[in-house]
């Protein structure tokens, strides 16, 4: 389960950032996960429960937000939602797309005290 290593990395990053602010507790964490990131949100939620144990994040509210994948057609420049890497442009039918959103895995915000 690579989500556990991701969760551990998130805890490490959050802890480092909180330390920069001389915080003693992390109350809330917002994470963004793109639908094409390869991360299974349910598995990440479970992994976060384990990863925050005995850390500054224990007892904090963890919010994981799914970011839908979007592409831009390289031919007609139309932007559209996609479910996989092989989507065709719904306007012109071109397979030449550029993914512009949906690969994210980002620690968006921290609330600390």
N, C-alpha and C. Protein backbone atom coordinates (compact mmCIF):
# COMPACT_ATOMS: atom_id res chain seq x y z
N UNK A 1 0.85 -1.18 0.00
CA UNK A 1 0.00 0.00 0.00
C UNK A 1 0.90 1.24 0.00
N UNK A 2 1.05 1.88 -1.15
CA UNK A 2 1.90 3.06 -1.20
C UNK A 2 1.25 4.26 -0.53
N UNK A 3 -0.04 4.18 -0.23
CA UNK A 3 -0.71 5.26 0.47
C UNK A 3 -0.15 5.47 1.87
N UNK A 4 0.34 4.41 2.51
CA UNK A 4 0.93 4.56 3.83
C UNK A 4 2.20 5.40 3.76
N UNK A 5 3.05 5.16 2.77
CA UNK A 5 4.26 5.99 2.65
C UNK A 5 3.89 7.43 2.31
N UNK A 6 2.84 7.62 1.53
CA UNK A 6 2.36 8.98 1.23
C UNK A 6 1.87 9.65 2.51
N UNK A 7 1.10 8.92 3.31
CA UNK A 7 0.59 9.46 4.56
C UNK A 7 1.72 9.85 5.51
N UNK A 8 2.73 9.02 5.58
CA UNK A 8 3.89 9.32 6.43
C UNK A 8 4.60 10.58 5.93
N UNK A 9 4.74 10.70 4.62
CA UNK A 9 5.35 11.91 4.06
C UNK A 9 4.51 13.15 4.37
N UNK A 10 3.19 13.04 4.28
CA UNK A 10 2.32 14.17 4.61
C UNK A 10 2.50 14.59 6.06
N UNK A 11 2.56 13.62 6.96
CA UNK A 11 2.79 13.91 8.38
C UNK A 11 4.13 14.60 8.57
N UNK A 12 5.17 14.12 7.90
CA UNK A 12 6.50 14.73 8.01
C UNK A 12 6.49 16.18 7.52
N UNK A 13 5.87 16.42 6.37
CA UNK A 13 5.80 17.77 5.82
C UNK A 13 5.01 18.69 6.75
N UNK A 14 3.86 18.22 7.21
CA UNK A 14 3.02 19.02 8.10
C UNK A 14 3.76 19.35 9.39
N UNK A 15 4.46 18.38 9.93
CA UNK A 15 5.21 18.59 11.18
C UNK A 15 6.33 19.62 10.98
N UNK A 16 7.04 19.51 9.87
CA UNK A 16 8.11 20.49 9.58
C UNK A 16 7.54 21.90 9.43
N UNK A 17 6.43 22.02 8.70
CA UNK A 17 5.83 23.34 8.49
C UNK A 17 5.29 23.93 9.79
N UNK A 18 4.70 23.09 10.62
CA UNK A 18 4.20 23.56 11.92
C UNK A 18 5.34 24.02 12.82
N UNK A 19 6.45 23.30 12.77
CA UNK A 19 7.62 23.68 13.57
C UNK A 19 8.16 25.04 13.16
N UNK A 20 8.09 25.36 11.88
CA UNK A 20 8.53 26.68 11.40
C UNK A 20 7.72 27.81 12.03
N UNK A 21 6.48 27.51 12.40
CA UNK A 21 5.59 28.50 13.02
C UNK A 21 5.57 28.38 14.55
N UNK A 22 6.47 27.56 15.09
CA UNK A 22 6.54 27.30 16.53
C UNK A 22 5.22 26.77 17.08
N UNK A 23 4.50 26.02 16.28
CA UNK A 23 3.23 25.43 16.70
C UNK A 23 3.48 24.20 17.57
N UNK A 24 2.53 23.94 18.44
CA UNK A 24 2.62 22.75 19.28
C UNK A 24 1.59 21.69 18.90
N UNK A 25 0.61 22.08 18.09
CA UNK A 25 -0.46 21.17 17.70
C UNK A 25 -0.94 21.52 16.30
N UNK A 26 -1.23 20.50 15.52
CA UNK A 26 -1.85 20.68 14.21
C UNK A 26 -3.31 20.27 14.37
N UNK A 27 -4.22 21.22 14.15
CA UNK A 27 -5.64 20.98 14.37
C UNK A 27 -6.37 20.48 13.13
N UNK A 28 -5.93 20.93 11.97
CA UNK A 28 -6.63 20.58 10.74
C UNK A 28 -5.65 20.51 9.58
N UNK A 29 -5.88 19.53 8.70
CA UNK A 29 -5.06 19.35 7.51
C UNK A 29 -6.01 19.16 6.32
N UNK A 30 -5.77 19.92 5.26
CA UNK A 30 -6.53 19.75 4.02
C UNK A 30 -5.58 19.22 2.95
N UNK A 31 -5.98 18.11 2.33
CA UNK A 31 -5.17 17.45 1.31
C UNK A 31 -5.99 17.40 0.03
N UNK A 32 -5.34 17.66 -1.10
CA UNK A 32 -5.98 17.55 -2.40
C UNK A 32 -5.37 16.38 -3.16
N UNK A 33 -6.25 15.55 -3.74
CA UNK A 33 -5.82 14.37 -4.48
C UNK A 33 -6.54 14.36 -5.83
N UNK A 34 -5.77 14.40 -6.91
CA UNK A 34 -6.35 14.36 -8.24
C UNK A 34 -6.81 12.96 -8.61
N UNK A 35 -7.86 12.89 -9.43
CA UNK A 35 -8.41 11.59 -9.81
C UNK A 35 -7.45 10.77 -10.67
N UNK A 36 -6.46 11.42 -11.28
CA UNK A 36 -5.46 10.70 -12.07
C UNK A 36 -4.13 10.55 -11.35
N UNK A 37 -4.10 10.81 -10.04
CA UNK A 37 -2.85 10.77 -9.28
C UNK A 37 -2.39 9.35 -8.98
N UNK A 38 -3.30 8.40 -9.06
CA UNK A 38 -2.95 7.03 -8.71
C UNK A 38 -3.13 6.72 -7.24
N UNK A 39 -3.63 7.69 -6.48
CA UNK A 39 -3.85 7.50 -5.05
C UNK A 39 -5.31 7.12 -4.81
N UNK A 40 -5.51 6.07 -4.04
CA UNK A 40 -6.86 5.64 -3.67
C UNK A 40 -7.22 6.39 -2.38
N UNK A 41 -8.22 7.25 -2.47
CA UNK A 41 -8.56 8.12 -1.35
C UNK A 41 -8.92 7.33 -0.09
N UNK A 42 -9.70 6.29 -0.23
CA UNK A 42 -10.10 5.49 0.93
C UNK A 42 -8.87 4.87 1.61
N UNK A 43 -7.93 4.42 0.82
CA UNK A 43 -6.70 3.85 1.37
C UNK A 43 -5.86 4.92 2.05
N UNK A 44 -5.84 6.13 1.48
CA UNK A 44 -5.10 7.24 2.10
C UNK A 44 -5.75 7.63 3.42
N UNK A 45 -7.07 7.64 3.48
CA UNK A 45 -7.76 7.96 4.74
C UNK A 45 -7.36 6.96 5.83
N UNK A 46 -7.36 5.68 5.50
CA UNK A 46 -6.97 4.65 6.45
C UNK A 46 -5.51 4.82 6.87
N UNK A 47 -4.66 5.08 5.90
CA UNK A 47 -3.23 5.26 6.18
C UNK A 47 -2.99 6.49 7.05
N UNK A 48 -3.72 7.56 6.82
CA UNK A 48 -3.55 8.77 7.63
C UNK A 48 -3.91 8.49 9.08
N UNK A 49 -4.93 7.68 9.31
CA UNK A 49 -5.32 7.33 10.68
C UNK A 49 -4.15 6.70 11.42
N UNK A 50 -3.42 5.86 10.74
CA UNK A 50 -2.25 5.21 11.36
C UNK A 50 -1.05 6.16 11.44
N UNK A 51 -0.82 6.93 10.39
CA UNK A 51 0.37 7.78 10.32
C UNK A 51 0.36 8.92 11.34
N UNK A 52 -0.82 9.41 11.73
CA UNK A 52 -0.87 10.54 12.66
C UNK A 52 -0.74 10.13 14.12
N UNK A 53 -0.82 8.83 14.37
CA UNK A 53 -0.73 8.33 15.75
C UNK A 53 0.59 8.77 16.39
N UNK A 54 0.49 9.32 17.60
CA UNK A 54 1.66 9.77 18.39
C UNK A 54 2.44 10.88 17.69
N UNK A 55 1.75 11.73 16.93
CA UNK A 55 2.39 12.89 16.29
C UNK A 55 1.60 14.15 16.65
N UNK A 56 2.07 15.29 16.17
CA UNK A 56 1.37 16.56 16.37
C UNK A 56 -0.01 16.56 15.73
N UNK A 57 -0.25 15.64 14.82
CA UNK A 57 -1.52 15.58 14.11
C UNK A 57 -2.56 14.70 14.79
N UNK A 58 -2.14 13.96 15.81
CA UNK A 58 -3.10 13.07 16.46
C UNK A 58 -4.28 13.88 16.99
N UNK A 59 -5.49 13.45 16.63
CA UNK A 59 -6.70 14.15 17.03
C UNK A 59 -7.10 15.28 16.09
N UNK A 60 -6.31 15.52 15.08
CA UNK A 60 -6.64 16.60 14.14
C UNK A 60 -7.69 16.16 13.14
N UNK A 61 -8.32 17.14 12.51
CA UNK A 61 -9.31 16.87 11.47
C UNK A 61 -8.58 16.79 10.13
N UNK A 62 -8.67 15.66 9.47
CA UNK A 62 -8.02 15.45 8.17
C UNK A 62 -9.10 15.48 7.09
N UNK A 63 -8.99 16.43 6.17
CA UNK A 63 -9.93 16.52 5.04
C UNK A 63 -9.18 16.19 3.76
N UNK A 64 -9.72 15.25 3.02
CA UNK A 64 -9.13 14.88 1.73
C UNK A 64 -10.15 15.23 0.65
N UNK A 65 -9.73 16.10 -0.27
CA UNK A 65 -10.60 16.59 -1.33
C UNK A 65 -10.15 16.02 -2.67
N UNK A 66 -11.10 15.45 -3.40
CA UNK A 66 -10.79 14.90 -4.71
C UNK A 66 -10.87 16.01 -5.76
N UNK A 67 -9.83 16.10 -6.58
CA UNK A 67 -9.77 17.09 -7.66
C UNK A 67 -10.05 16.36 -8.97
N UNK A 68 -11.13 16.74 -9.67
CA UNK A 68 -11.45 16.07 -10.92
C UNK A 68 -10.42 16.37 -12.00
N UNK A 69 -10.19 15.40 -12.85
CA UNK A 69 -9.23 15.57 -13.95
C UNK A 69 -9.86 16.38 -15.07
N UNK A 70 -9.06 17.31 -15.60
CA UNK A 70 -9.48 18.16 -16.71
C UNK A 70 -8.38 18.13 -17.77
N UNK A 71 -8.80 18.25 -19.02
CA UNK A 71 -7.85 18.28 -20.13
C UNK A 71 -8.18 19.46 -21.04
N UNK A 72 -7.18 19.85 -21.82
CA UNK A 72 -7.35 20.87 -22.84
C UNK A 72 -6.94 20.25 -24.17
N UNK A 73 -7.83 20.34 -25.15
CA UNK A 73 -7.54 19.81 -26.48
C UNK A 73 -6.44 20.63 -27.13
N UNK A 74 -5.44 19.97 -27.67
CA UNK A 74 -4.35 20.67 -28.34
C UNK A 74 -4.76 21.19 -29.71
N UNK A 75 -5.88 20.71 -30.24
CA UNK A 75 -6.34 21.13 -31.56
C UNK A 75 -7.27 22.33 -31.46
N UNK A 76 -8.37 22.20 -30.68
CA UNK A 76 -9.37 23.27 -30.63
C UNK A 76 -9.35 24.07 -29.33
N UNK A 77 -8.48 23.68 -28.36
CA UNK A 77 -8.29 24.36 -27.08
C UNK A 77 -9.48 24.22 -26.12
N UNK A 78 -10.44 23.37 -26.44
CA UNK A 78 -11.59 23.14 -25.56
C UNK A 78 -11.11 22.45 -24.28
N UNK A 79 -11.61 22.90 -23.12
CA UNK A 79 -11.30 22.27 -21.84
C UNK A 79 -12.47 21.42 -21.41
N UNK A 80 -12.17 20.21 -20.91
CA UNK A 80 -13.23 19.27 -20.56
C UNK A 80 -12.76 18.31 -19.48
N UNK A 81 -13.76 17.75 -18.76
CA UNK A 81 -13.49 16.78 -17.71
C UNK A 81 -13.16 15.43 -18.35
N UNK A 82 -12.18 14.74 -17.75
CA UNK A 82 -11.81 13.41 -18.25
C UNK A 82 -11.81 12.40 -17.11
N UNK A 83 -11.99 11.14 -17.48
CA UNK A 83 -11.96 10.05 -16.50
C UNK A 83 -10.71 9.19 -16.63
N UNK A 84 -10.01 9.31 -17.76
CA UNK A 84 -8.78 8.54 -17.96
C UNK A 84 -7.88 9.30 -18.93
N UNK A 85 -6.70 8.77 -19.12
CA UNK A 85 -5.67 9.43 -19.94
C UNK A 85 -5.98 9.38 -21.43
N UNK A 86 -6.89 8.55 -21.85
CA UNK A 86 -7.13 8.33 -23.28
C UNK A 86 -8.42 8.99 -23.78
N UNK A 87 -8.85 10.05 -23.15
CA UNK A 87 -10.10 10.70 -23.53
C UNK A 87 -9.98 11.44 -24.86
N UNK A 88 -11.08 11.46 -25.59
CA UNK A 88 -11.17 12.23 -26.83
C UNK A 88 -11.86 13.55 -26.54
N UNK A 89 -11.48 14.58 -27.27
CA UNK A 89 -12.11 15.88 -27.11
C UNK A 89 -13.59 15.77 -27.52
N UNK A 90 -14.51 16.20 -26.66
CA UNK A 90 -15.92 16.11 -27.01
C UNK A 90 -16.34 17.13 -28.07
N UNK A 91 -15.51 18.12 -28.33
CA UNK A 91 -15.83 19.14 -29.34
C UNK A 91 -15.39 18.72 -30.74
N UNK A 92 -14.13 18.28 -30.85
CA UNK A 92 -13.60 17.98 -32.20
C UNK A 92 -13.20 16.52 -32.39
N UNK A 93 -13.22 15.73 -31.31
CA UNK A 93 -12.89 14.31 -31.41
C UNK A 93 -11.40 13.99 -31.41
N UNK A 94 -10.57 14.99 -31.23
CA UNK A 94 -9.13 14.77 -31.25
C UNK A 94 -8.67 13.99 -30.01
N UNK A 95 -7.70 13.08 -30.19
CA UNK A 95 -7.12 12.39 -29.05
C UNK A 95 -5.93 13.16 -28.45
N UNK A 96 -5.59 14.29 -29.05
CA UNK A 96 -4.43 15.07 -28.61
C UNK A 96 -4.84 16.03 -27.50
N UNK A 97 -4.66 15.58 -26.26
CA UNK A 97 -5.06 16.35 -25.09
C UNK A 97 -3.89 16.59 -24.17
N UNK A 98 -4.01 17.66 -23.42
CA UNK A 98 -3.04 18.00 -22.38
C UNK A 98 -3.79 17.99 -21.05
N UNK A 99 -3.37 17.15 -20.11
CA UNK A 99 -4.00 17.12 -18.80
C UNK A 99 -3.60 18.39 -18.06
N UNK A 100 -4.59 19.16 -17.63
CA UNK A 100 -4.31 20.43 -16.95
C UNK A 100 -4.67 20.40 -15.47
N UNK A 101 -5.35 19.35 -15.04
CA UNK A 101 -5.73 19.21 -13.64
C UNK A 101 -6.08 17.76 -13.38
N UNK A 102 -5.75 17.30 -12.17
CA UNK A 102 -6.14 15.95 -11.79
C UNK A 102 -5.00 15.03 -11.42
N UNK A 103 -3.76 15.52 -11.54
CA UNK A 103 -2.60 14.72 -11.13
C UNK A 103 -2.10 15.12 -9.75
N UNK A 104 -2.77 16.07 -9.13
CA UNK A 104 -2.31 16.65 -7.87
C UNK A 104 -2.27 15.66 -6.72
N UNK A 105 -1.33 15.87 -5.86
CA UNK A 105 -1.29 15.29 -4.53
C UNK A 105 -0.62 16.37 -3.70
N UNK A 106 -1.44 17.12 -2.98
CA UNK A 106 -0.94 18.36 -2.37
C UNK A 106 -1.48 18.52 -0.96
N UNK A 107 -0.59 18.92 -0.07
CA UNK A 107 -0.98 19.34 1.28
C UNK A 107 -1.38 20.80 1.13
N UNK A 108 -2.67 21.06 1.12
CA UNK A 108 -3.20 22.38 0.78
C UNK A 108 -3.09 23.37 1.94
N UNK A 109 -3.63 23.00 3.11
CA UNK A 109 -3.59 23.93 4.26
C UNK A 109 -3.37 23.18 5.56
N UNK A 110 -2.83 23.91 6.50
CA UNK A 110 -2.66 23.44 7.88
C UNK A 110 -3.25 24.48 8.81
N UNK A 111 -3.92 24.02 9.83
CA UNK A 111 -4.39 24.91 10.90
C UNK A 111 -3.66 24.48 12.15
N UNK A 112 -2.87 25.39 12.73
CA UNK A 112 -2.03 25.04 13.86
C UNK A 112 -2.28 25.96 15.06
N UNK A 113 -1.87 25.48 16.22
CA UNK A 113 -1.90 26.31 17.43
C UNK A 113 -0.59 26.17 18.16
